[in-house]
Amino acid sequence: MVCNAVPASMRRRDSNTDLTDPMQAGGHTIVLVQPTNNKSSRTYLDYPSVHHAMDGLCKDFERKLRGLNPTMATITYEITDLYAYIDQMTDMSALVYAPEPNAYIPCNKDWIKKQAYNHLRDQGKRR
């Protein structure tokens, strides 16, 4: 899984670690969000890992759903609903820290959607 184009110099040749895969490359994750066309809506969310970032993204979406449906005791949604939530953001990306080469790897919306899917799939397996 490649986030965005990663220069060959950022790929390790001497191990099985794929630095283009932030799940292997590191932890600290910054999610950059611009919910509307208004540039002043830009913000960031800081997480210790990709896992925590995806958990935060899902919880934010669930909070929005609860706000839209305050009388419902249980909120359920499909992955396509979460994808639509991500897609409706004017801009969303993530920066994931890779210890080697000591840099943040930029990741786009498609990568975020894949990670969210994997996160929810893994949660479903644990239940």
Protein backbone atom coordinates (compact mmCIF):
# COMPACT_ATOMS: atom_id res chain seq x y z
CA MET A 1 0.00 0.00 0.00
CA VAL A 2 1.54 3.28 -1.11
CA CYS A 3 0.28 6.53 0.37
CA ASN A 4 1.46 9.00 -2.21
CA ALA A 5 4.56 8.86 -4.34
CA VAL A 6 7.48 8.09 -2.06
CA PRO A 7 11.00 8.66 -3.40
CA ALA A 8 13.15 5.58 -3.80
CA SER A 9 15.57 7.07 -1.27
CA MET A 10 12.87 6.65 1.41
CA ARG A 11 12.54 2.90 0.80
CA ARG A 12 14.71 0.50 2.75
CA ARG A 13 16.43 -2.13 0.69
CA ASP A 14 17.89 -4.06 3.60
CA SER A 15 14.75 -5.24 5.39
CA ASN A 16 11.17 -6.33 4.96
CA THR A 17 9.90 -2.98 6.24
CA ASP A 18 8.03 -1.11 3.54
CA LEU A 19 8.40 2.57 4.35
CA THR A 20 5.67 3.39 1.87
CA ASP A 21 3.30 1.57 4.26
CA PRO A 22 2.87 3.81 7.32
CA MET A 23 1.29 0.91 9.20
CA GLN A 24 4.79 -0.61 9.15
CA ALA A 25 6.76 2.62 8.94
CA GLY A 26 5.74 4.37 12.11
CA GLY A 27 3.14 5.64 14.42
CA HIS A 28 2.50 9.30 15.13
CA THR A 29 -0.28 10.46 12.81
CA ILE A 30 -1.54 13.94 12.02
CA VAL A 31 -4.87 14.11 10.20
CA LEU A 32 -5.32 17.35 8.25
CA VAL A 33 -8.97 18.29 7.66
CA GLN A 34 -10.77 21.06 5.81
CA PRO A 35 -14.49 20.29 6.21
CA THR A 36 -15.76 23.21 4.07
CA ASN A 37 -14.53 25.45 1.27
CA ASN A 38 -13.78 28.12 3.88
CA LYS A 39 -10.03 28.06 4.46
CA SER A 40 -10.57 29.04 8.09
CA SER A 41 -12.21 25.61 8.64
CA ARG A 42 -8.80 23.94 8.28
CA THR A 43 -7.66 22.07 11.34
CA TYR A 44 -5.59 19.07 12.36
CA LEU A 45 -6.01 16.14 14.70
CA ASP A 46 -2.98 14.64 16.41
CA TYR A 47 -2.85 10.91 17.27
CA PRO A 48 -0.13 8.60 18.62
CA SER A 49 -0.74 6.00 15.88
CA VAL A 50 -2.65 5.21 12.68
CA HIS A 51 -4.94 2.95 14.75
CA HIS A 52 -5.84 5.82 17.08
CA ALA A 53 -6.37 8.15 14.11
CA MET A 54 -8.83 5.74 12.49
CA ASP A 55 -10.60 5.23 15.82
CA GLY A 56 -10.89 9.02 16.17
CA LEU A 57 -12.21 9.39 12.62
CA CYS A 58 -14.90 6.75 13.21
CA LYS A 59 -15.88 8.30 16.55
CA ASP A 60 -16.17 11.76 14.97
CA PHE A 61 -18.42 10.32 12.26
CA GLU A 62 -20.53 8.50 14.86
CA ARG A 63 -20.87 11.75 16.86
CA LYS A 64 -22.13 13.48 13.72
CA LEU A 65 -24.66 10.67 13.15
CA ARG A 66 -25.85 10.92 16.76
CA GLY A 67 -26.32 14.67 16.31
CA LEU A 68 -28.42 14.07 13.20
CA ASN A 69 -30.43 11.29 14.90
CA PRO A 70 -30.68 12.26 18.59
CA THR A 71 -33.70 10.04 19.33
CA MET A 72 -32.14 6.82 18.04
CA ALA A 73 -30.82 4.54 20.77
CA THR A 74 -28.43 2.73 18.43
CA ILE A 75 -26.57 4.17 15.48
CA THR A 76 -25.57 1.85 12.65
CA TYR A 77 -23.89 2.66 9.36
CA GLU A 78 -22.30 1.07 6.35
CA ILE A 79 -18.71 1.59 5.25
CA THR A 80 -20.06 3.51 2.25
CA ASP A 81 -21.58 6.04 4.67
CA LEU A 82 -18.15 6.60 6.25
CA TYR A 83 -16.60 6.90 2.78
CA ALA A 84 -19.20 9.54 1.86
CA TYR A 85 -18.36 11.43 5.07
CA ILE A 86 -14.68 11.42 4.12
CA ASP A 87 -15.42 12.37 0.52
CA GLN A 88 -17.62 15.32 1.51
CA MET A 89 -14.65 16.92 3.26
CA THR A 90 -13.17 19.62 1.04
CA ASP A 91 -9.75 18.24 1.94
CA MET A 92 -8.49 15.45 4.16
CA SER A 93 -5.08 13.85 4.34
CA ALA A 94 -2.77 12.32 6.89
CA LEU A 95 0.90 12.61 7.74
CA VAL A 96 2.29 9.41 9.24
CA TYR A 97 5.68 9.36 10.90
CA ALA A 98 8.28 6.93 9.58
CA PRO A 99 11.25 6.54 11.95
CA GLU A 100 13.52 5.89 9.03
CA PRO A 101 14.06 8.24 7.16
CA ASN A 102 12.82 10.33 10.11
CA ALA A 103 10.06 11.94 8.07
CA TYR A 104 6.29 12.13 7.77
CA ILE A 105 4.75 10.29 4.82
CA PRO A 106 1.75 12.07 3.23
CA CYS A 107 -1.36 9.92 2.74
CA ASN A 108 -4.47 10.84 0.74
CA LYS A 109 -8.21 10.23 1.20
CA ASP A 110 -8.08 6.86 -0.55
CA TRP A 111 -5.44 5.66 1.90
CA ILE A 112 -7.52 6.98 4.83
CA LYS A 113 -10.57 5.08 3.52
CA LYS A 114 -8.55 1.84 3.28
CA GLN A 115 -7.26 2.27 6.81
CA ALA A 116 -10.76 3.05 8.13
CA TYR A 117 -12.09 -0.08 6.42
CA ASN A 118 -9.30 -2.20 7.92
CA HIS A 119 -9.90 -0.64 11.34
CA LEU A 120 -13.63 -1.43 11.30
CA ARG A 121 -13.01 -4.91 9.89
CA ASP A 122 -10.57 -5.63 12.71
CA GLN A 123 -13.05 -4.34 15.29
CA GLY A 124 -15.70 -6.65 13.84
CA LYS A 125 -13.38 -9.65 14.18
CA ARG A 126 -12.86 -8.91 17.87
CA ARG A 127 -16.58 -8.97 18.65
